[in-house]
Each structure stands twice: as C-alpha cells, then as structure tokens.
C-alpha cells in the first residue's frame, strides 16, 4: 500500500478491522429444561462463532418469583415466593436471526413469563481492512490532496477542513466501512485503487 505519511508525522498507527454488529441473548432457565431450551436456540442459529456452533456460557444461580392470583406458575404456589435453581444461559447471534431465536426459546421455556435480556455488542472482523493513522498535528485537506496527486497545482471548491485520524484502505466504500470508521473515530477515509484515490470525510 502506498506510503502517504512520513514517520515523523505519525503519532500512532495500527491495523484497521471492519466491525460486525452482534446480539447476545441471555435467558434464565430451570435446570430441568436447560438442554431443551439450549437445543431450540442453537437450531434457530444461536451460538455460531466462526467455525464453531453450539457455543454458550452458563452460570448457576437462584431465581426468585411470587405468582399473583392470575398467574399459572410452572413451579411454586400463588402468593408464595419461590426459590428456583436456574441457569443463566448466554449465547450470541447475528441481528437478523434474533427474533427467530427468541421465538424458539419461548416455545421451549416452561415458565409463563420467561426472564431474558438482549445485549448489543460488536466484534472485529478476522481480516485486516487497512491501516489507521493518528497524526501528531492536524493536516489540511487541501495539503493532503496535493500530496496524493502531485500533479495538482491548486485546489478550489473545498473547505479548509483539517484531519488528524485517517484510514487508508483498498476496500470498497460501503455502509459497513463507514460504520466501522465511525466506531474508531476516523475523520477521513482514503480509498486507494492503484494510482487512483478517493477521499471520504466521515461525519461523527
């Protein structure tokens, strides 16, 4: 990849990875139904991490609840507090599979009101998608343009924006690249294709 910045200009540099949005589903299950719930969730697509499936994490604990007069408790008596040996079952999935996984979990869960939680998180892609640079000093947009194309004598029609955190990549610009750049607070993306280049200012 074309070298753009001198070592003396760079404060830090590191590999850049696209981010993947993921969901984590946490559900509290009585021990008697743990494997049934886990199997239904896995069959619906939960717990796939790269080349592995059926991935989960489990923690044993005690759940409490008191059914009111309108409840139909799986265990315990109406009006009395129940203490149940339960497992906190955690499994991750892609966002597009979440609804189906929840529906499968609820069908297999014995409780009238299953307790579950959904968390958003991100993971880094396994492939390097470029290099990100933090410069010691902010660089003017016009100066960067002239550096990339030494045949430019002058630059007009561009505001005097300055940037400090820059991504240099050969990847095609799309929504995933834009969201990943925002996540790492990138201010400018330089897309290089042979002798051609494209500059994309990122709005935070």
N, C-alpha and C. Protein backbone atom coordinates (compact mmCIF):
# COMPACT_ATOMS: atom_id res chain seq x y z
N UNK A 1 0.84 -1.20 0.00
CA UNK A 1 0.00 0.00 0.00
C UNK A 1 0.88 1.25 0.00
N UNK A 2 0.47 2.23 -0.78
CA UNK A 2 1.24 3.46 -0.94
C UNK A 2 1.49 4.16 0.39
N UNK A 3 2.73 4.57 0.62
CA UNK A 3 3.09 5.30 1.84
C UNK A 3 2.73 6.77 1.64
N UNK A 4 1.92 7.30 2.53
CA UNK A 4 1.42 8.67 2.39
C UNK A 4 2.06 9.61 3.41
N UNK A 5 2.27 9.11 4.62
CA UNK A 5 2.76 9.95 5.70
C UNK A 5 4.19 9.58 6.08
N UNK A 6 4.98 10.58 6.41
CA UNK A 6 6.33 10.34 6.91
C UNK A 6 6.25 9.86 8.35
N UNK A 7 7.22 9.06 8.75
CA UNK A 7 7.23 8.55 10.12
C UNK A 7 7.21 9.68 11.14
N UNK A 8 7.84 10.78 10.82
CA UNK A 8 7.90 11.92 11.74
C UNK A 8 6.54 12.60 11.93
N UNK A 9 5.59 12.32 11.02
CA UNK A 9 4.26 12.93 11.11
C UNK A 9 3.28 12.07 11.91
N UNK A 10 3.66 10.82 12.14
CA UNK A 10 2.71 9.85 12.70
C UNK A 10 2.87 9.74 14.22
N UNK A 11 1.77 9.94 14.92
CA UNK A 11 1.76 9.72 16.37
C UNK A 11 1.58 8.23 16.67
N UNK A 12 0.67 7.60 15.96
CA UNK A 12 0.45 6.15 16.13
C UNK A 12 -0.20 5.60 14.86
N UNK A 13 0.00 4.31 14.63
CA UNK A 13 -0.65 3.62 13.52
C UNK A 13 -0.94 2.18 13.92
N UNK A 14 -2.02 1.64 13.39
CA UNK A 14 -2.39 0.27 13.71
C UNK A 14 -3.30 -0.28 12.61
N UNK A 15 -3.45 -1.60 12.62
CA UNK A 15 -4.32 -2.23 11.64
C UNK A 15 -5.76 -1.80 11.87
N UNK A 16 -6.53 -1.79 10.80
CA UNK A 16 -7.95 -1.44 10.86
C UNK A 16 -8.77 -2.66 10.49
N UNK A 17 -9.81 -2.92 11.28
CA UNK A 17 -10.70 -4.04 11.03
C UNK A 17 -12.14 -3.54 10.93
N UNK A 18 -12.89 -4.13 10.02
CA UNK A 18 -14.32 -3.86 9.99
C UNK A 18 -14.96 -4.43 11.25
N UNK A 19 -16.03 -3.79 11.71
CA UNK A 19 -16.74 -4.32 12.87
C UNK A 19 -17.99 -5.06 12.42
N UNK A 20 -18.36 -6.04 13.22
CA UNK A 20 -19.58 -6.80 12.97
C UNK A 20 -20.52 -6.59 14.14
N UNK A 21 -21.73 -6.14 13.85
CA UNK A 21 -22.73 -5.97 14.91
C UNK A 21 -23.29 -7.33 15.29
N UNK A 22 -23.35 -7.58 16.59
CA UNK A 22 -23.83 -8.87 17.08
C UNK A 22 -24.84 -8.64 18.20
N UNK A 23 -25.60 -9.68 18.51
CA UNK A 23 -26.55 -9.67 19.61
C UNK A 23 -26.21 -10.80 20.57
N UNK A 24 -26.41 -10.53 21.86
CA UNK A 24 -26.27 -11.59 22.86
C UNK A 24 -27.62 -11.76 23.56
N UNK A 25 -28.08 -13.00 23.59
CA UNK A 25 -29.33 -13.32 24.27
C UNK A 25 -28.99 -14.05 25.57
N UNK A 26 -29.51 -13.52 26.66
CA UNK A 26 -29.33 -14.13 27.98
C UNK A 26 -30.70 -14.55 28.49
N UNK A 27 -30.84 -15.80 28.87
CA UNK A 27 -32.11 -16.30 29.38
C UNK A 27 -31.87 -17.13 30.63
N UNK A 28 -32.81 -17.04 31.57
CA UNK A 28 -32.71 -17.77 32.84
C UNK A 28 -33.65 -18.97 32.77
N UNK A 29 -33.06 -20.17 32.91
CA UNK A 29 -33.79 -21.41 32.63
C UNK A 29 -33.69 -22.35 33.82
N UNK A 30 -34.80 -22.98 34.24
CA UNK A 30 -34.68 -24.01 35.27
C UNK A 30 -33.83 -25.17 34.74
N UNK A 31 -33.08 -25.77 35.64
CA UNK A 31 -32.14 -26.82 35.24
C UNK A 31 -32.84 -27.93 34.45
N UNK A 32 -34.08 -28.24 34.81
CA UNK A 32 -34.80 -29.34 34.17
C UNK A 32 -35.01 -29.12 32.67
N UNK A 33 -35.03 -27.85 32.23
CA UNK A 33 -35.32 -27.56 30.82
C UNK A 33 -34.13 -26.91 30.09
N UNK A 34 -32.97 -26.92 30.74
CA UNK A 34 -31.82 -26.22 30.16
C UNK A 34 -31.46 -26.74 28.77
N UNK A 35 -31.28 -28.03 28.64
CA UNK A 35 -30.82 -28.59 27.37
C UNK A 35 -31.88 -28.45 26.28
N UNK A 36 -33.15 -28.52 26.64
CA UNK A 36 -34.21 -28.35 25.65
C UNK A 36 -34.20 -26.93 25.10
N UNK A 37 -34.09 -25.94 25.99
CA UNK A 37 -34.05 -24.54 25.56
C UNK A 37 -32.79 -24.29 24.73
N UNK A 38 -31.67 -24.81 25.21
CA UNK A 38 -30.40 -24.62 24.50
C UNK A 38 -30.46 -25.21 23.10
N UNK A 39 -31.04 -26.41 22.97
CA UNK A 39 -31.12 -27.06 21.66
C UNK A 39 -31.98 -26.27 20.70
N UNK A 40 -33.11 -25.77 21.18
CA UNK A 40 -34.00 -24.99 20.32
C UNK A 40 -33.33 -23.69 19.86
N UNK A 41 -32.64 -23.04 20.77
CA UNK A 41 -31.93 -21.81 20.41
C UNK A 41 -30.83 -22.08 19.39
N UNK A 42 -30.08 -23.15 19.61
CA UNK A 42 -28.99 -23.49 18.70
C UNK A 42 -29.50 -23.86 17.32
N UNK A 43 -30.60 -24.61 17.27
CA UNK A 43 -31.18 -25.00 15.98
C UNK A 43 -31.68 -23.78 15.21
N UNK A 44 -32.03 -22.71 15.93
CA UNK A 44 -32.52 -21.49 15.29
C UNK A 44 -31.39 -20.56 14.87
N UNK A 45 -30.14 -20.92 15.22
CA UNK A 45 -28.99 -20.13 14.77
C UNK A 45 -28.19 -19.45 15.85
N UNK A 46 -28.51 -19.67 17.11
CA UNK A 46 -27.73 -19.06 18.20
C UNK A 46 -26.44 -19.83 18.41
N UNK A 47 -25.40 -19.13 18.87
CA UNK A 47 -24.17 -19.79 19.28
C UNK A 47 -23.24 -20.17 18.16
N UNK A 48 -23.33 -19.50 17.01
CA UNK A 48 -22.39 -19.77 15.92
C UNK A 48 -21.29 -18.70 15.95
N UNK A 49 -20.05 -19.14 16.17
CA UNK A 49 -18.90 -18.24 16.20
C UNK A 49 -17.85 -18.80 15.25
N UNK A 50 -17.74 -18.19 14.09
CA UNK A 50 -16.77 -18.67 13.10
C UNK A 50 -17.06 -20.10 12.69
N UNK A 51 -16.08 -20.98 12.89
CA UNK A 51 -16.21 -22.39 12.51
C UNK A 51 -16.82 -23.26 13.62
N UNK A 52 -17.36 -22.62 14.66
CA UNK A 52 -17.91 -23.36 15.80
C UNK A 52 -19.39 -23.04 15.96
N UNK A 53 -20.16 -24.06 16.36
CA UNK A 53 -21.56 -23.82 16.70
C UNK A 53 -21.84 -24.38 18.09
N UNK A 54 -23.07 -24.23 18.55
CA UNK A 54 -23.47 -24.66 19.90
C UNK A 54 -22.65 -23.97 20.98
N UNK A 55 -22.19 -22.75 20.72
CA UNK A 55 -21.40 -22.01 21.71
C UNK A 55 -22.33 -21.34 22.73
N UNK A 56 -22.01 -21.48 23.99
CA UNK A 56 -22.81 -20.85 25.05
C UNK A 56 -21.96 -20.66 26.29
N UNK A 57 -22.49 -19.89 27.24
CA UNK A 57 -21.87 -19.76 28.55
C UNK A 57 -22.98 -19.93 29.58
N UNK A 58 -22.66 -20.63 30.67
CA UNK A 58 -23.69 -20.99 31.64
C UNK A 58 -23.22 -20.69 33.06
N UNK A 59 -24.10 -20.09 33.83
CA UNK A 59 -23.81 -19.79 35.23
C UNK A 59 -24.98 -20.27 36.08
N UNK A 60 -24.66 -21.01 37.13
CA UNK A 60 -25.71 -21.50 38.04
C UNK A 60 -26.06 -20.45 39.07
N UNK A 61 -27.36 -20.33 39.38
CA UNK A 61 -27.78 -19.37 40.39
C UNK A 61 -29.18 -19.69 40.89
N UNK A 62 -29.71 -18.79 41.69
CA UNK A 62 -31.05 -18.96 42.25
C UNK A 62 -31.96 -17.83 41.79
N UNK A 63 -33.07 -18.19 41.17
CA UNK A 63 -34.07 -17.20 40.76
C UNK A 63 -35.23 -17.19 41.73
N UNK A 64 -35.82 -16.02 41.92
CA UNK A 64 -36.98 -15.91 42.82
C UNK A 64 -38.15 -15.28 42.09
N UNK A 65 -39.36 -15.66 42.50
CA UNK A 65 -40.57 -15.03 41.98
C UNK A 65 -41.75 -15.38 42.89
N UNK A 66 -42.78 -14.52 42.84
CA UNK A 66 -44.01 -14.80 43.59
C UNK A 66 -45.20 -14.64 42.63
N UNK A 67 -45.87 -15.71 42.30
CA UNK A 67 -47.01 -15.64 41.38
C UNK A 67 -48.21 -14.95 42.04
N UNK A 68 -48.90 -14.07 41.27
CA UNK A 68 -50.13 -13.49 41.82
C UNK A 68 -51.31 -14.41 41.52
N UNK A 69 -52.50 -13.97 41.84
CA UNK A 69 -53.68 -14.85 41.72
C UNK A 69 -54.02 -15.19 40.27
N UNK A 70 -53.55 -14.37 39.32
CA UNK A 70 -53.85 -14.62 37.91
C UNK A 70 -52.79 -15.46 37.20
N UNK A 71 -51.72 -15.77 37.91
CA UNK A 71 -50.60 -16.48 37.30
C UNK A 71 -50.89 -17.97 37.17
N UNK A 72 -50.15 -18.59 36.26
CA UNK A 72 -50.19 -20.05 36.10
C UNK A 72 -48.75 -20.55 36.22
N UNK A 73 -48.25 -20.63 37.45
CA UNK A 73 -46.82 -20.93 37.65
C UNK A 73 -46.46 -22.36 37.25
N UNK A 74 -45.29 -22.48 36.64
CA UNK A 74 -44.75 -23.80 36.33
C UNK A 74 -44.38 -24.52 37.62
N UNK A 75 -43.88 -23.75 38.58
CA UNK A 75 -43.46 -24.31 39.87
C UNK A 75 -43.83 -23.31 40.95
N UNK A 76 -44.08 -23.79 42.15
CA UNK A 76 -44.41 -22.91 43.26
C UNK A 76 -45.91 -22.67 43.39
N UNK A 77 -46.27 -21.89 44.42
CA UNK A 77 -47.68 -21.63 44.72
C UNK A 77 -48.00 -20.15 44.59
N UNK A 78 -49.23 -19.85 44.20
CA UNK A 78 -49.67 -18.46 44.10
C UNK A 78 -49.58 -17.78 45.46
N UNK A 79 -49.04 -16.58 45.47
CA UNK A 79 -48.93 -15.82 46.71
C UNK A 79 -47.72 -16.13 47.55
N UNK A 80 -46.94 -17.13 47.16
CA UNK A 80 -45.74 -17.51 47.92
C UNK A 80 -44.49 -17.32 47.06
N UNK A 81 -43.41 -16.87 47.70
CA UNK A 81 -42.15 -16.69 46.98
C UNK A 81 -41.51 -18.04 46.71
N UNK A 82 -41.11 -18.25 45.47
CA UNK A 82 -40.42 -19.48 45.07
C UNK A 82 -38.94 -19.20 44.86
N UNK A 83 -38.13 -20.15 45.25
CA UNK A 83 -36.68 -20.10 45.01
C UNK A 83 -36.34 -21.26 44.08
N UNK A 84 -35.87 -20.92 42.89
CA UNK A 84 -35.64 -21.94 41.88
C UNK A 84 -34.17 -22.01 41.48
N UNK A 85 -33.67 -23.23 41.36
CA UNK A 85 -32.31 -23.44 40.85
C UNK A 85 -32.34 -23.22 39.33
N UNK A 86 -31.70 -22.15 38.87
CA UNK A 86 -31.75 -21.78 37.46
C UNK A 86 -30.34 -21.61 36.89
N UNK A 87 -30.27 -21.66 35.58
CA UNK A 87 -29.03 -21.44 34.86
C UNK A 87 -29.17 -20.16 34.03
N UNK A 88 -28.19 -19.29 34.13
CA UNK A 88 -28.11 -18.14 33.23
C UNK A 88 -27.42 -18.64 31.96
N UNK A 89 -28.16 -18.72 30.88
CA UNK A 89 -27.67 -19.23 29.60
C UNK A 89 -27.42 -18.06 28.66
N UNK A 90 -26.19 -17.93 28.17
CA UNK A 90 -25.83 -16.84 27.26
C UNK A 90 -25.41 -17.42 25.92
N UNK A 91 -25.86 -16.77 24.86
CA UNK A 91 -25.47 -17.20 23.51
C UNK A 91 -25.57 -16.01 22.57
N UNK A 92 -24.66 -15.93 21.61
CA UNK A 92 -24.66 -14.79 20.68
C UNK A 92 -25.22 -15.19 19.33
N UNK A 93 -25.57 -14.18 18.53
CA UNK A 93 -26.13 -14.45 17.20
C UNK A 93 -26.01 -13.21 16.34
N UNK A 94 -26.28 -13.36 15.05
CA UNK A 94 -26.34 -12.21 14.16
C UNK A 94 -27.70 -11.54 14.35
N UNK A 95 -27.79 -10.22 14.15
CA UNK A 95 -29.05 -9.50 14.40
C UNK A 95 -30.24 -10.04 13.62
N UNK A 96 -30.01 -10.52 12.39
CA UNK A 96 -31.13 -10.96 11.56
C UNK A 96 -31.76 -12.27 12.03
N UNK A 97 -31.08 -12.99 12.94
CA UNK A 97 -31.62 -14.25 13.46
C UNK A 97 -32.26 -14.11 14.83
N UNK A 98 -32.14 -12.94 15.44
CA UNK A 98 -32.54 -12.77 16.85
C UNK A 98 -34.00 -13.11 17.10
N UNK A 99 -34.91 -12.57 16.29
CA UNK A 99 -36.35 -12.79 16.53
C UNK A 99 -36.70 -14.26 16.51
N UNK A 100 -36.21 -14.99 15.51
CA UNK A 100 -36.49 -16.41 15.42
C UNK A 100 -35.93 -17.20 16.60
N UNK A 101 -34.76 -16.80 17.08
CA UNK A 101 -34.15 -17.47 18.23
C UNK A 101 -34.98 -17.24 19.48
N UNK A 102 -35.45 -16.01 19.68
CA UNK A 102 -36.29 -15.71 20.84
C UNK A 102 -37.58 -16.51 20.79
N UNK A 103 -38.20 -16.58 19.62
CA UNK A 103 -39.44 -17.35 19.49
C UNK A 103 -39.21 -18.82 19.81
N UNK A 104 -38.10 -19.38 19.35
CA UNK A 104 -37.78 -20.78 19.64
C UNK A 104 -37.53 -20.99 21.13
N UNK A 105 -36.82 -20.03 21.75
CA UNK A 105 -36.55 -20.12 23.18
C UNK A 105 -37.85 -20.09 23.98
N UNK A 106 -38.77 -19.20 23.63
CA UNK A 106 -40.02 -19.07 24.39
C UNK A 106 -40.89 -20.31 24.25
N UNK A 107 -40.87 -20.94 23.09
CA UNK A 107 -41.65 -22.17 22.90
C UNK A 107 -41.12 -23.30 23.78
N UNK A 108 -39.82 -23.33 24.00
CA UNK A 108 -39.21 -24.41 24.78
C UNK A 108 -39.17 -24.12 26.28
N UNK A 109 -39.28 -22.86 26.65
CA UNK A 109 -39.15 -22.47 28.06
C UNK A 109 -40.44 -22.81 28.82
N UNK A 110 -40.30 -23.41 30.02
CA UNK A 110 -41.50 -23.84 30.75
C UNK A 110 -42.23 -22.72 31.48
N UNK A 111 -41.57 -21.60 31.74
CA UNK A 111 -42.19 -20.55 32.54
C UNK A 111 -43.24 -19.78 31.74
N UNK A 112 -44.27 -19.35 32.45
CA UNK A 112 -45.29 -18.50 31.83
C UNK A 112 -44.68 -17.17 31.38
N UNK A 113 -43.77 -16.64 32.19
CA UNK A 113 -43.06 -15.40 31.86
C UNK A 113 -41.56 -15.67 31.94
N UNK A 114 -40.97 -15.98 30.81
CA UNK A 114 -39.52 -16.24 30.79
C UNK A 114 -38.75 -14.94 30.97
N UNK A 115 -37.73 -14.97 31.81
CA UNK A 115 -36.87 -13.80 32.02
C UNK A 115 -35.70 -13.88 31.05
N UNK A 116 -35.59 -12.88 30.18
CA UNK A 116 -34.46 -12.86 29.24
C UNK A 116 -34.05 -11.43 28.95
N UNK A 117 -32.82 -11.28 28.45
CA UNK A 117 -32.24 -9.97 28.17
C UNK A 117 -31.52 -10.02 26.83
N UNK A 118 -31.47 -8.86 26.15
CA UNK A 118 -30.79 -8.76 24.86
C UNK A 118 -29.73 -7.67 24.95
N UNK A 119 -28.53 -7.97 24.50
CA UNK A 119 -27.43 -7.00 24.53
C UNK A 119 -26.87 -6.81 23.12
N UNK A 120 -26.51 -5.57 22.83
CA UNK A 120 -25.83 -5.25 21.57
C UNK A 120 -24.32 -5.20 21.83
N UNK A 121 -23.53 -5.75 20.92
CA UNK A 121 -22.08 -5.61 21.04
C UNK A 121 -21.47 -5.74 19.65
N UNK A 122 -20.20 -5.43 19.54
CA UNK A 122 -19.52 -5.54 18.24
C UNK A 122 -18.29 -6.43 18.38
N UNK A 123 -17.91 -7.04 17.25
CA UNK A 123 -16.69 -7.83 17.18
C UNK A 123 -15.90 -7.37 15.96
N UNK A 124 -14.60 -7.58 16.01
CA UNK A 124 -13.76 -7.24 14.87
C UNK A 124 -13.76 -8.37 13.85
N UNK A 125 -13.80 -8.01 12.58
CA UNK A 125 -13.68 -9.00 11.52
C UNK A 125 -12.29 -9.63 11.59
N UNK A 126 -12.15 -10.83 11.08
CA UNK A 126 -10.86 -11.54 11.16
C UNK A 126 -9.85 -11.02 10.14
N UNK A 127 -10.31 -10.33 9.10
CA UNK A 127 -9.43 -9.84 8.04
C UNK A 127 -9.05 -8.38 8.26
N UNK A 128 -7.78 -8.04 8.02
CA UNK A 128 -7.33 -6.65 8.09
C UNK A 128 -7.86 -5.90 6.87
N UNK A 129 -8.44 -4.73 7.11
CA UNK A 129 -9.04 -3.96 6.01
C UNK A 129 -8.32 -2.65 5.72
N UNK A 130 -7.19 -2.40 6.37
CA UNK A 130 -6.45 -1.18 6.10
C UNK A 130 -5.57 -0.80 7.28
N UNK A 131 -5.06 0.43 7.22
CA UNK A 131 -4.24 0.97 8.31
C UNK A 131 -4.84 2.30 8.76
N UNK A 132 -4.90 2.50 10.06
CA UNK A 132 -5.40 3.77 10.59
C UNK A 132 -4.25 4.53 11.23
N UNK A 133 -4.21 5.81 10.93
CA UNK A 133 -3.13 6.68 11.38
C UNK A 133 -3.68 7.80 12.24
N UNK A 134 -3.00 8.08 13.34
CA UNK A 134 -3.24 9.29 14.11
C UNK A 134 -2.02 10.17 13.95
N UNK A 135 -2.22 11.35 13.40
CA UNK A 135 -1.10 12.25 13.12
C UNK A 135 -0.77 13.09 14.34
N UNK A 136 0.46 13.55 14.41
CA UNK A 136 0.88 14.41 15.52
C UNK A 136 0.19 15.77 15.44
N UNK A 137 0.01 16.24 14.22
CA UNK A 137 -0.66 17.53 14.01
C UNK A 137 -1.76 17.36 12.96
N UNK A 138 -2.78 18.16 13.06
CA UNK A 138 -3.85 18.11 12.08
C UNK A 138 -3.33 18.53 10.71
N UNK A 139 -3.80 17.85 9.68
CA UNK A 139 -3.35 18.12 8.32
C UNK A 139 -4.50 18.72 7.52
N UNK A 140 -4.20 19.78 6.77
CA UNK A 140 -5.22 20.42 5.95
C UNK A 140 -5.63 19.49 4.81
N UNK A 141 -6.92 19.51 4.52
CA UNK A 141 -7.49 18.68 3.47
C UNK A 141 -6.84 18.96 2.11
N UNK A 142 -6.64 20.23 1.81
CA UNK A 142 -6.05 20.60 0.52
C UNK A 142 -4.61 20.12 0.40
N UNK A 143 -3.87 20.20 1.51
CA UNK A 143 -2.49 19.72 1.50
C UNK A 143 -2.42 18.22 1.27
N UNK A 144 -3.37 17.50 1.84
CA UNK A 144 -3.41 16.05 1.65
C UNK A 144 -3.74 15.71 0.20
N UNK A 145 -4.65 16.47 -0.40
CA UNK A 145 -4.98 16.25 -1.81
C UNK A 145 -3.76 16.41 -2.71
N UNK A 146 -3.01 17.47 -2.48
CA UNK A 146 -1.81 17.73 -3.28
C UNK A 146 -0.77 16.63 -3.08
N UNK A 147 -0.71 16.10 -1.86
CA UNK A 147 0.25 15.03 -1.59
C UNK A 147 -0.12 13.75 -2.34
N UNK A 148 -1.41 13.48 -2.41
CA UNK A 148 -1.87 12.28 -3.10
C UNK A 148 -1.75 12.41 -4.61
N UNK A 149 -1.92 13.62 -5.11
CA UNK A 149 -1.79 13.86 -6.55
C UNK A 149 -0.83 15.02 -6.76
N UNK A 150 0.41 14.69 -7.00
CA UNK A 150 1.45 15.72 -7.10
C UNK A 150 1.31 16.58 -8.36
N UNK A 151 0.43 16.18 -9.27
CA UNK A 151 0.20 16.98 -10.47
C UNK A 151 -0.75 18.15 -10.22
N UNK A 152 -1.41 18.13 -9.05
CA UNK A 152 -2.32 19.23 -8.73
C UNK A 152 -1.52 20.49 -8.40
N UNK A 153 -1.83 21.57 -9.08
CA UNK A 153 -1.16 22.84 -8.81
C UNK A 153 -1.93 23.64 -7.76
N UNK A 154 -3.25 23.53 -7.81
CA UNK A 154 -4.08 24.23 -6.84
C UNK A 154 -5.37 23.45 -6.64
N UNK A 155 -6.04 23.72 -5.52
CA UNK A 155 -7.29 23.05 -5.19
C UNK A 155 -8.32 24.10 -4.86
N UNK A 156 -9.46 24.06 -5.53
CA UNK A 156 -10.53 25.02 -5.27
C UNK A 156 -11.83 24.29 -4.99
N UNK A 157 -12.76 25.00 -4.36
CA UNK A 157 -14.08 24.43 -4.09
C UNK A 157 -14.11 23.48 -2.93
N UNK A 158 -13.06 23.41 -2.14
CA UNK A 158 -13.00 22.52 -0.97
C UNK A 158 -12.72 23.36 0.27
N UNK A 159 -13.54 23.15 1.29
CA UNK A 159 -13.35 23.91 2.52
C UNK A 159 -12.04 23.50 3.19
N UNK A 160 -11.47 24.44 3.94
CA UNK A 160 -10.19 24.17 4.59
C UNK A 160 -10.38 23.33 5.86
N UNK A 161 -10.84 22.12 5.65
CA UNK A 161 -11.01 21.17 6.75
C UNK A 161 -9.66 20.55 7.08
N UNK A 162 -9.44 20.30 8.36
CA UNK A 162 -8.22 19.60 8.76
C UNK A 162 -8.59 18.30 9.44
N UNK A 163 -7.72 17.31 9.32
CA UNK A 163 -7.99 15.99 9.88
C UNK A 163 -6.75 15.48 10.61
N UNK A 164 -7.00 14.58 11.56
CA UNK A 164 -5.89 14.03 12.35
C UNK A 164 -5.91 12.50 12.36
N UNK A 165 -7.11 11.90 12.34
CA UNK A 165 -7.20 10.44 12.36
C UNK A 165 -7.71 9.96 11.01
N UNK A 166 -6.88 9.19 10.31
CA UNK A 166 -7.12 8.87 8.90
C UNK A 166 -7.00 7.37 8.68
N UNK A 167 -7.92 6.83 7.89
CA UNK A 167 -7.88 5.43 7.48
C UNK A 167 -7.44 5.35 6.02
N UNK A 168 -6.45 4.51 5.75
CA UNK A 168 -6.02 4.23 4.38
C UNK A 168 -6.39 2.79 4.07
N UNK A 169 -7.18 2.59 3.02
CA UNK A 169 -7.69 1.26 2.72
C UNK A 169 -7.82 1.05 1.22
N UNK A 170 -7.88 -0.21 0.82
CA UNK A 170 -8.18 -0.57 -0.56
C UNK A 170 -9.58 -1.16 -0.67
N UNK A 171 -10.29 -1.20 0.45
CA UNK A 171 -11.64 -1.76 0.46
C UNK A 171 -12.63 -0.79 -0.18
N UNK A 172 -13.67 -1.34 -0.80
CA UNK A 172 -14.71 -0.51 -1.39
C UNK A 172 -15.50 0.18 -0.28
N UNK A 173 -15.85 1.43 -0.52
CA UNK A 173 -16.61 2.17 0.49
C UNK A 173 -18.07 1.70 0.49
N UNK A 174 -18.54 1.30 1.66
CA UNK A 174 -19.95 0.93 1.83
C UNK A 174 -20.37 1.25 3.25
N UNK A 175 -21.60 0.87 3.60
CA UNK A 175 -22.14 1.21 4.92
C UNK A 175 -21.33 0.57 6.03
N UNK A 176 -20.88 -0.68 5.83
CA UNK A 176 -20.10 -1.37 6.86
C UNK A 176 -18.79 -0.64 7.11
N UNK A 177 -18.12 -0.23 6.05
CA UNK A 177 -16.86 0.51 6.21
C UNK A 177 -17.11 1.85 6.90
N UNK A 178 -18.17 2.53 6.53
CA UNK A 178 -18.50 3.82 7.15
C UNK A 178 -18.78 3.66 8.64
N UNK A 179 -19.61 2.67 9.01
CA UNK A 179 -19.93 2.44 10.42
C UNK A 179 -18.70 2.05 11.21
N UNK A 180 -17.83 1.25 10.61
CA UNK A 180 -16.60 0.83 11.29
C UNK A 180 -15.68 2.02 11.52
N UNK A 181 -15.59 2.90 10.52
CA UNK A 181 -14.76 4.10 10.66
C UNK A 181 -15.29 5.00 11.77
N UNK A 182 -16.60 5.15 11.84
CA UNK A 182 -17.20 5.96 12.90
C UNK A 182 -16.91 5.36 14.27
N UNK A 183 -16.96 4.04 14.37
CA UNK A 183 -16.71 3.37 15.65
C UNK A 183 -15.32 3.68 16.17
N UNK A 184 -14.34 3.79 15.26
CA UNK A 184 -12.96 4.07 15.67
C UNK A 184 -12.61 5.56 15.56
N UNK A 185 -13.65 6.40 15.42
CA UNK A 185 -13.47 7.87 15.38
C UNK A 185 -12.57 8.33 14.24
N UNK A 186 -12.63 7.62 13.12
CA UNK A 186 -11.90 8.03 11.92
C UNK A 186 -12.54 9.30 11.35
N UNK A 187 -11.71 10.26 10.97
CA UNK A 187 -12.22 11.51 10.40
C UNK A 187 -12.24 11.48 8.88
N UNK A 188 -11.30 10.75 8.29
CA UNK A 188 -11.19 10.73 6.83
C UNK A 188 -10.77 9.35 6.36
N UNK A 189 -11.41 8.87 5.30
CA UNK A 189 -11.03 7.61 4.67
C UNK A 189 -10.38 7.91 3.33
N UNK A 190 -9.21 7.33 3.11
CA UNK A 190 -8.55 7.40 1.81
C UNK A 190 -8.64 6.02 1.18
N UNK A 191 -9.41 5.91 0.11
CA UNK A 191 -9.55 4.64 -0.60
C UNK A 191 -8.59 4.65 -1.79
N UNK A 192 -7.63 3.74 -1.78
CA UNK A 192 -6.62 3.67 -2.84
C UNK A 192 -6.92 2.50 -3.77
N UNK A 193 -6.89 2.76 -5.07
CA UNK A 193 -7.03 1.72 -6.09
C UNK A 193 -5.99 1.97 -7.17
N UNK A 194 -4.83 1.33 -7.04
CA UNK A 194 -3.75 1.59 -7.98
C UNK A 194 -3.28 3.02 -7.84
N UNK A 195 -3.31 3.77 -8.94
CA UNK A 195 -2.92 5.17 -8.90
C UNK A 195 -4.09 6.10 -8.62
N UNK A 196 -5.29 5.53 -8.50
CA UNK A 196 -6.47 6.34 -8.21
C UNK A 196 -6.73 6.39 -6.72
N UNK A 197 -7.41 7.43 -6.29
CA UNK A 197 -7.75 7.55 -4.87
C UNK A 197 -9.08 8.27 -4.73
N UNK A 198 -9.70 8.05 -3.57
CA UNK A 198 -10.95 8.73 -3.23
C UNK A 198 -10.87 9.15 -1.77
N UNK A 199 -11.26 10.37 -1.47
CA UNK A 199 -11.28 10.86 -0.09
C UNK A 199 -12.72 10.96 0.38
N UNK A 200 -12.98 10.41 1.55
CA UNK A 200 -14.34 10.42 2.10
C UNK A 200 -14.29 10.96 3.52
N UNK A 201 -14.90 12.11 3.73
CA UNK A 201 -14.96 12.72 5.07
C UNK A 201 -16.05 12.04 5.86
N UNK A 202 -15.74 11.64 7.08
CA UNK A 202 -16.69 10.92 7.92
C UNK A 202 -17.31 11.88 8.93
N UNK A 203 -18.63 11.92 8.94
CA UNK A 203 -19.35 12.75 9.89
C UNK A 203 -19.62 11.93 11.15
N UNK A 204 -19.12 12.42 12.27
CA UNK A 204 -19.29 11.70 13.53
C UNK A 204 -20.64 12.06 14.16
